[in-house]
Amino acid sequence: MTTLTHFDSQGQAHMVDVAGKTSTHRVAIASGRIDMLASTLALIESGSAKKGDVLGIARIAGIQAAKKTSELIPLCHPLALTRVALEFSLHAAQGAAPAAVVCSATVETVGPTGVEMEALTAAQVALLTIYDMCKAVDRGMTINQVRLVEKHGGKSGSFIAA
């Protein structure tokens, strides 16, 4: 069984020492979705939401969140990110499936530790921003399926979610 890396031999939480690790190109992709009413999706698509360009603002929020991850997650290392990109896809309601916006966040760096937490944080904050901007018309929106989709680089190699 693999041990948790954020605990020392006495069980105390600590920041992992990455000084001896090789710097490699690291990439992580995370995604998530926000389900909503069809009318809310129509507002987002038309650009007529009262607060402005929902997806443009959500993209900026996700980028800012990736850069601030180490301030939010106590044991994350501050990283020099080389790329943060967010993409959104809009999905109309189909049958029992609600309308939704799916967010994909890609984060890259060259360094001794990965960017999974930065990608997850970017996706989640972008989705929260969509909620914030649209809550006046749809308080029943739900954020779900936030997960790591892929990661590449480092000693552990690649991971691609099933």
C-alpha atoms as a PDB file:
ATOM      1  CA  MET A   1       0.000   0.000   0.000  1.00  0.00           C
ATOM      2  CA  THR A   2       1.265   3.486  -0.865  1.00  0.00           C
ATOM      3  CA  THR A   3       1.739   5.937   1.988  1.00  0.00           C
ATOM      4  CA  LEU A   4       0.324   9.443   2.100  1.00  0.00           C
ATOM      5  CA  THR A   5       3.111  11.872   1.240  1.00  0.00           C
ATOM      6  CA  HIS A   6       1.879  14.820   3.305  1.00  0.00           C
ATOM      7  CA  PHE A   7       2.530  13.092   6.656  1.00  0.00           C
ATOM      8  CA  ASP A   8       5.899  12.427   8.268  1.00  0.00           C
ATOM      9  CA  SER A   9       6.852   9.241  10.137  1.00  0.00           C
ATOM     10  CA  GLN A  10       5.157  10.571  13.299  1.00  0.00           C
ATOM     11  CA  GLY A  11       1.913  11.285  11.449  1.00  0.00           C
ATOM     12  CA  GLN A  12       2.383  15.074  11.435  1.00  0.00           C
ATOM     13  CA  ALA A  13       1.285  17.035   8.376  1.00  0.00           C
ATOM     14  CA  HIS A  14       4.122  18.626   6.402  1.00  0.00           C
ATOM     15  CA  MET A  15       4.887  20.080   3.006  1.00  0.00           C
ATOM     16  CA  VAL A  16       6.602  17.463   0.858  1.00  0.00           C
ATOM     17  CA  ASP A  17      10.283  18.213   0.221  1.00  0.00           C
ATOM     18  CA  VAL A  18      10.679  18.383  -3.567  1.00  0.00           C
ATOM     19  CA  ALA A  19      14.231  19.762  -3.570  1.00  0.00           C
ATOM     20  CA  GLY A  20      15.745  16.490  -4.780  1.00  0.00           C
ATOM     21  CA  LYS A  21      13.156  15.849  -7.479  1.00  0.00           C
ATOM     22  CA  THR A  22      13.941  16.374 -11.139  1.00  0.00           C
ATOM     23  CA  SER A  23      12.232  19.266 -12.891  1.00  0.00           C
ATOM     24  CA  THR A  24      10.113  17.999 -15.763  1.00  0.00           C
ATOM     25  CA  HIS A  25       7.355  19.375 -17.957  1.00  0.00           C
ATOM     26  CA  ARG A  26       4.132  18.711 -16.082  1.00  0.00           C
ATOM     27  CA  VAL A  27       0.571  18.953 -17.334  1.00  0.00           C
ATOM     28  CA  ALA A  28      -2.750  18.374 -15.602  1.00  0.00           C
ATOM     29  CA  ILE A  29      -6.258  18.572 -16.997  1.00  0.00           C
ATOM     30  CA  ALA A  30      -9.288  18.748 -14.731  1.00  0.00           C
ATOM     31  CA  SER A  31     -12.942  19.063 -15.625  1.00  0.00           C
ATOM     32  CA  GLY A  32     -16.310  19.602 -14.034  1.00  0.00           C
ATOM     33  CA  ARG A  33     -19.828  20.640 -14.914  1.00  0.00           C
ATOM     34  CA  ILE A  34     -22.558  22.901 -13.679  1.00  0.00           C
ATOM     35  CA  ASP A  35     -26.117  21.769 -14.350  1.00  0.00           C
ATOM     36  CA  MET A  36     -28.762  24.446 -14.806  1.00  0.00           C
ATOM     37  CA  LEU A  37     -32.117  25.328 -16.263  1.00  0.00           C
ATOM     38  CA  ALA A  38     -32.307  25.542 -20.040  1.00  0.00           C
ATOM     39  CA  SER A  39     -33.245  29.219 -19.699  1.00  0.00           C
ATOM     40  CA  THR A  40     -30.051  29.883 -17.723  1.00  0.00           C
ATOM     41  CA  LEU A  41     -27.949  28.261 -20.426  1.00  0.00           C
ATOM     42  CA  ALA A  42     -29.756  30.412 -22.997  1.00  0.00           C
ATOM     43  CA  LEU A  43     -28.777  33.554 -21.056  1.00  0.00           C
ATOM     44  CA  ILE A  44     -25.140  32.430 -20.996  1.00  0.00           C
ATOM     45  CA  GLU A  45     -25.174  31.587 -24.723  1.00  0.00           C
ATOM     46  CA  SER A  46     -26.755  34.897 -25.698  1.00  0.00           C
ATOM     47  CA  GLY A  47     -24.374  36.972 -23.592  1.00  0.00           C
ATOM     48  CA  SER A  48     -27.353  38.742 -22.042  1.00  0.00           C
ATOM     49  CA  ALA A  49     -26.746  37.774 -18.409  1.00  0.00           C
ATOM     50  CA  LYS A  50     -27.189  40.815 -16.188  1.00  0.00           C
ATOM     51  CA  LYS A  51     -23.618  40.633 -14.848  1.00  0.00           C
ATOM     52  CA  GLY A  52     -21.989  40.377 -18.291  1.00  0.00           C
ATOM     53  CA  ASP A  53     -19.903  37.794 -20.174  1.00  0.00           C
ATOM     54  CA  VAL A  54     -20.319  34.800 -17.882  1.00  0.00           C
ATOM     55  CA  LEU A  55     -17.802  32.487 -19.548  1.00  0.00           C
ATOM     56  CA  GLY A  56     -15.201  35.218 -20.099  1.00  0.00           C
ATOM     57  CA  ILE A  57     -15.285  36.173 -16.444  1.00  0.00           C
ATOM     58  CA  ALA A  58     -15.304  32.503 -15.356  1.00  0.00           C
ATOM     59  CA  ARG A  59     -12.189  31.926 -17.505  1.00  0.00           C
ATOM     60  CA  ILE A  60     -10.327  34.775 -15.796  1.00  0.00           C
ATOM     61  CA  ALA A  61     -11.467  33.540 -12.356  1.00  0.00           C
ATOM     62  CA  GLY A  62     -10.156  30.039 -13.139  1.00  0.00           C
ATOM     63  CA  ILE A  63      -6.790  31.404 -14.246  1.00  0.00           C
ATOM     64  CA  GLN A  64      -6.504  33.506 -11.084  1.00  0.00           C
ATOM     65  CA  ALA A  65      -7.479  30.505  -8.955  1.00  0.00           C
ATOM     66  CA  ALA A  66      -4.786  28.300 -10.501  1.00  0.00           C
ATOM     67  CA  LYS A  67      -2.186  30.949  -9.675  1.00  0.00           C
ATOM     68  CA  LYS A  68      -3.392  31.205  -6.065  1.00  0.00           C
ATOM     69  CA  THR A  69      -3.784  27.488  -5.310  1.00  0.00           C
ATOM     70  CA  SER A  70      -0.896  27.406  -2.830  1.00  0.00           C
ATOM     71  CA  GLU A  71      -2.638  30.152  -0.840  1.00  0.00           C
ATOM     72  CA  LEU A  72      -5.844  28.094  -0.644  1.00  0.00           C
ATOM     73  CA  ILE A  73      -4.566  24.529  -0.165  1.00  0.00           C
ATOM     74  CA  PRO A  74      -2.234  24.552   2.861  1.00  0.00           C
ATOM     75  CA  LEU A  75       0.392  22.015   1.749  1.00  0.00           C
ATOM     76  CA  CYS A  76       0.612  22.941  -1.951  1.00  0.00           C
ATOM     77  CA  HIS A  77       3.855  24.414  -3.220  1.00  0.00           C
ATOM     78  CA  PRO A  78       3.803  27.815  -4.897  1.00  0.00           C
ATOM     79  CA  LEU A  79       4.552  27.090  -8.547  1.00  0.00           C
ATOM     80  CA  ALA A  80       5.678  29.083 -11.560  1.00  0.00           C
ATOM     81  CA  LEU A  81       2.908  28.143 -13.963  1.00  0.00           C
ATOM     82  CA  THR A  82       3.764  28.274 -17.645  1.00  0.00           C
ATOM     83  CA  ARG A  83       0.205  27.863 -18.963  1.00  0.00           C
ATOM     84  CA  VAL A  84      -3.364  27.970 -17.684  1.00  0.00           C
ATOM     85  CA  ALA A  85      -6.168  27.499 -20.205  1.00  0.00           C
ATOM     86  CA  LEU A  86      -9.881  27.007 -19.612  1.00  0.00           C
ATOM     87  CA  GLU A  87     -12.371  25.792 -22.190  1.00  0.00           C
ATOM     88  CA  PHE A  88     -16.140  25.678 -21.850  1.00  0.00           C
ATOM     89  CA  SER A  89     -18.654  23.572 -23.730  1.00  0.00           C
ATOM     90  CA  LEU A  90     -22.382  24.207 -23.588  1.00  0.00           C
ATOM     91  CA  HIS A  91     -24.817  21.307 -23.481  1.00  0.00           C
ATOM     92  CA  ALA A  92     -28.540  21.703 -24.102  1.00  0.00           C
ATOM     93  CA  ALA A  93     -30.959  19.706 -21.965  1.00  0.00           C
ATOM     94  CA  GLN A  94     -31.597  16.253 -23.436  1.00  0.00           C
ATOM     95  CA  GLY A  95     -34.277  13.990 -22.024  1.00  0.00           C
ATOM     96  CA  ALA A  96     -33.718  13.736 -18.278  1.00  0.00           C
ATOM     97  CA  ALA A  97     -30.261  15.348 -18.515  1.00  0.00           C
ATOM     98  CA  PRO A  98     -30.294  19.049 -17.563  1.00  0.00           C
ATOM     99  CA  ALA A  99     -28.646  21.845 -19.512  1.00  0.00           C
ATOM    100  CA  ALA A 100     -25.017  22.259 -18.473  1.00  0.00           C
ATOM    101  CA  VAL A 101     -21.732  24.029 -18.947  1.00  0.00           C
ATOM    102  CA  VAL A 102     -18.676  21.775 -18.835  1.00  0.00           C
ATOM    103  CA  CYS A 103     -15.347  23.351 -17.913  1.00  0.00           C
ATOM    104  CA  SER A 104     -11.949  21.870 -18.772  1.00  0.00           C
ATOM    105  CA  ALA A 105      -8.853  23.422 -17.164  1.00  0.00           C
ATOM    106  CA  THR A 106      -5.342  22.684 -18.427  1.00  0.00           C
ATOM    107  CA  VAL A 107      -2.378  23.762 -16.313  1.00  0.00           C
ATOM    108  CA  GLU A 108       1.322  23.365 -17.120  1.00  0.00           C
ATOM    109  CA  THR A 109       4.673  24.015 -15.473  1.00  0.00           C
ATOM    110  CA  VAL A 110       8.269  22.886 -15.630  1.00  0.00           C
ATOM    111  CA  GLY A 111       9.254  21.929 -12.129  1.00  0.00           C
ATOM    112  CA  PRO A 112       9.711  19.276  -9.452  1.00  0.00           C
ATOM    113  CA  THR A 113       6.028  18.807  -8.558  1.00  0.00           C
ATOM    114  CA  GLY A 114       2.766  18.426 -10.427  1.00  0.00           C
ATOM    115  CA  VAL A 115      -0.093  20.797 -11.163  1.00  0.00           C
ATOM    116  CA  GLU A 116      -3.103  18.587 -10.425  1.00  0.00           C
ATOM    117  CA  MET A 117      -4.326  20.786  -7.580  1.00  0.00           C
ATOM    118  CA  GLU A 118      -3.983  23.904  -9.720  1.00  0.00           C
ATOM    119  CA  ALA A 119      -6.087  22.360 -12.505  1.00  0.00           C
ATOM    120  CA  LEU A 120      -8.749  21.155 -10.053  1.00  0.00           C
ATOM    121  CA  THR A 121      -8.864  24.551  -8.355  1.00  0.00           C
ATOM    122  CA  ALA A 122      -9.139  26.370 -11.692  1.00  0.00           C
ATOM    123  CA  ALA A 123     -12.064  24.218 -12.837  1.00  0.00           C
ATOM    124  CA  GLN A 124     -13.911  24.472  -9.537  1.00  0.00           C
ATOM    125  CA  VAL A 125     -13.533  28.245  -9.195  1.00  0.00           C
ATOM    126  CA  ALA A 126     -14.593  28.789 -12.814  1.00  0.00           C
ATOM    127  CA  LEU A 127     -17.760  26.780 -12.116  1.00  0.00           C
ATOM    128  CA  LEU A 128     -18.369  28.684  -8.874  1.00  0.00           C
ATOM    129  CA  THR A 129     -18.057  31.921 -10.836  1.00  0.00           C
ATOM    130  CA  ILE A 130     -20.720  30.746 -13.277  1.00  0.00           C
ATOM    131  CA  TYR A 131     -22.944  29.991 -10.281  1.00  0.00           C
ATOM    132  CA  ASP A 132     -22.296  33.426  -8.797  1.00  0.00           C
ATOM    133  CA  MET A 133     -23.059  35.220 -12.032  1.00  0.00           C
ATOM    134  CA  CYS A 134     -26.280  33.291 -12.708  1.00  0.00           C
ATOM    135  CA  LYS A 135     -27.686  32.684  -9.232  1.00  0.00           C
ATOM    136  CA  ALA A 136     -30.194  35.543  -9.565  1.00  0.00           C
ATOM    137  CA  VAL A 137     -32.080  33.495 -12.167  1.00  0.00           C
ATOM    138  CA  ASP A 138     -31.251  29.915 -11.096  1.00  0.00           C
ATOM    139  CA  ARG A 139     -30.371  29.086  -7.491  1.00  0.00           C
ATOM    140  CA  GLY A 140     -30.834  25.373  -8.184  1.00  0.00           C
ATOM    141  CA  MET A 141     -27.668  24.985 -10.264  1.00  0.00           C
ATOM    142  CA  THR A 142     -25.423  22.122  -9.158  1.00  0.00           C
ATOM    143  CA  ILE A 143     -21.688  21.724  -9.589  1.00  0.00           C
ATOM    144  CA  ASN A 144     -20.598  18.138 -10.016  1.00  0.00           C
ATOM    145  CA  GLN A 145     -18.180  15.688 -11.593  1.00  0.00           C
ATOM    146  CA  VAL A 146     -15.100  17.794 -10.779  1.00  0.00           C
ATOM    147  CA  ARG A 147     -12.163  15.463 -11.288  1.00  0.00           C
ATOM    148  CA  LEU A 148      -8.658  15.011 -12.602  1.00  0.00           C
ATOM    149  CA  VAL A 149      -8.901  13.865 -16.219  1.00  0.00           C
ATOM    150  CA  GLU A 150      -5.196  13.595 -17.087  1.00  0.00           C
ATOM    151  CA  LYS A 151      -1.751  14.287 -15.702  1.00  0.00           C
ATOM    152  CA  HIS A 152       1.617  13.896 -17.345  1.00  0.00           C
ATOM    153  CA  GLY A 153       5.204  14.308 -16.162  1.00  0.00           C
ATOM    154  CA  GLY A 154       7.185  13.460 -13.100  1.00  0.00           C
ATOM    155  CA  LYS A 155       8.328  10.174 -11.617  1.00  0.00           C
ATOM    156  CA  SER A 156       4.846   8.658 -11.555  1.00  0.00           C
ATOM    157  CA  GLY A 157       4.387   9.272 -15.283  1.00  0.00           C
ATOM    158  CA  SER A 158       0.984   9.677 -16.866  1.00  0.00           C
ATOM    159  CA  PHE A 159      -2.532   9.183 -15.555  1.00  0.00           C
ATOM    160  CA  ILE A 160      -5.617   9.182 -17.749  1.00  0.00           C
ATOM    161  CA  ALA A 161      -8.980   8.761 -16.049  1.00  0.00           C
ATOM    162  CA  ALA A 162     -11.157   5.888 -17.199  1.00  0.00           C
END
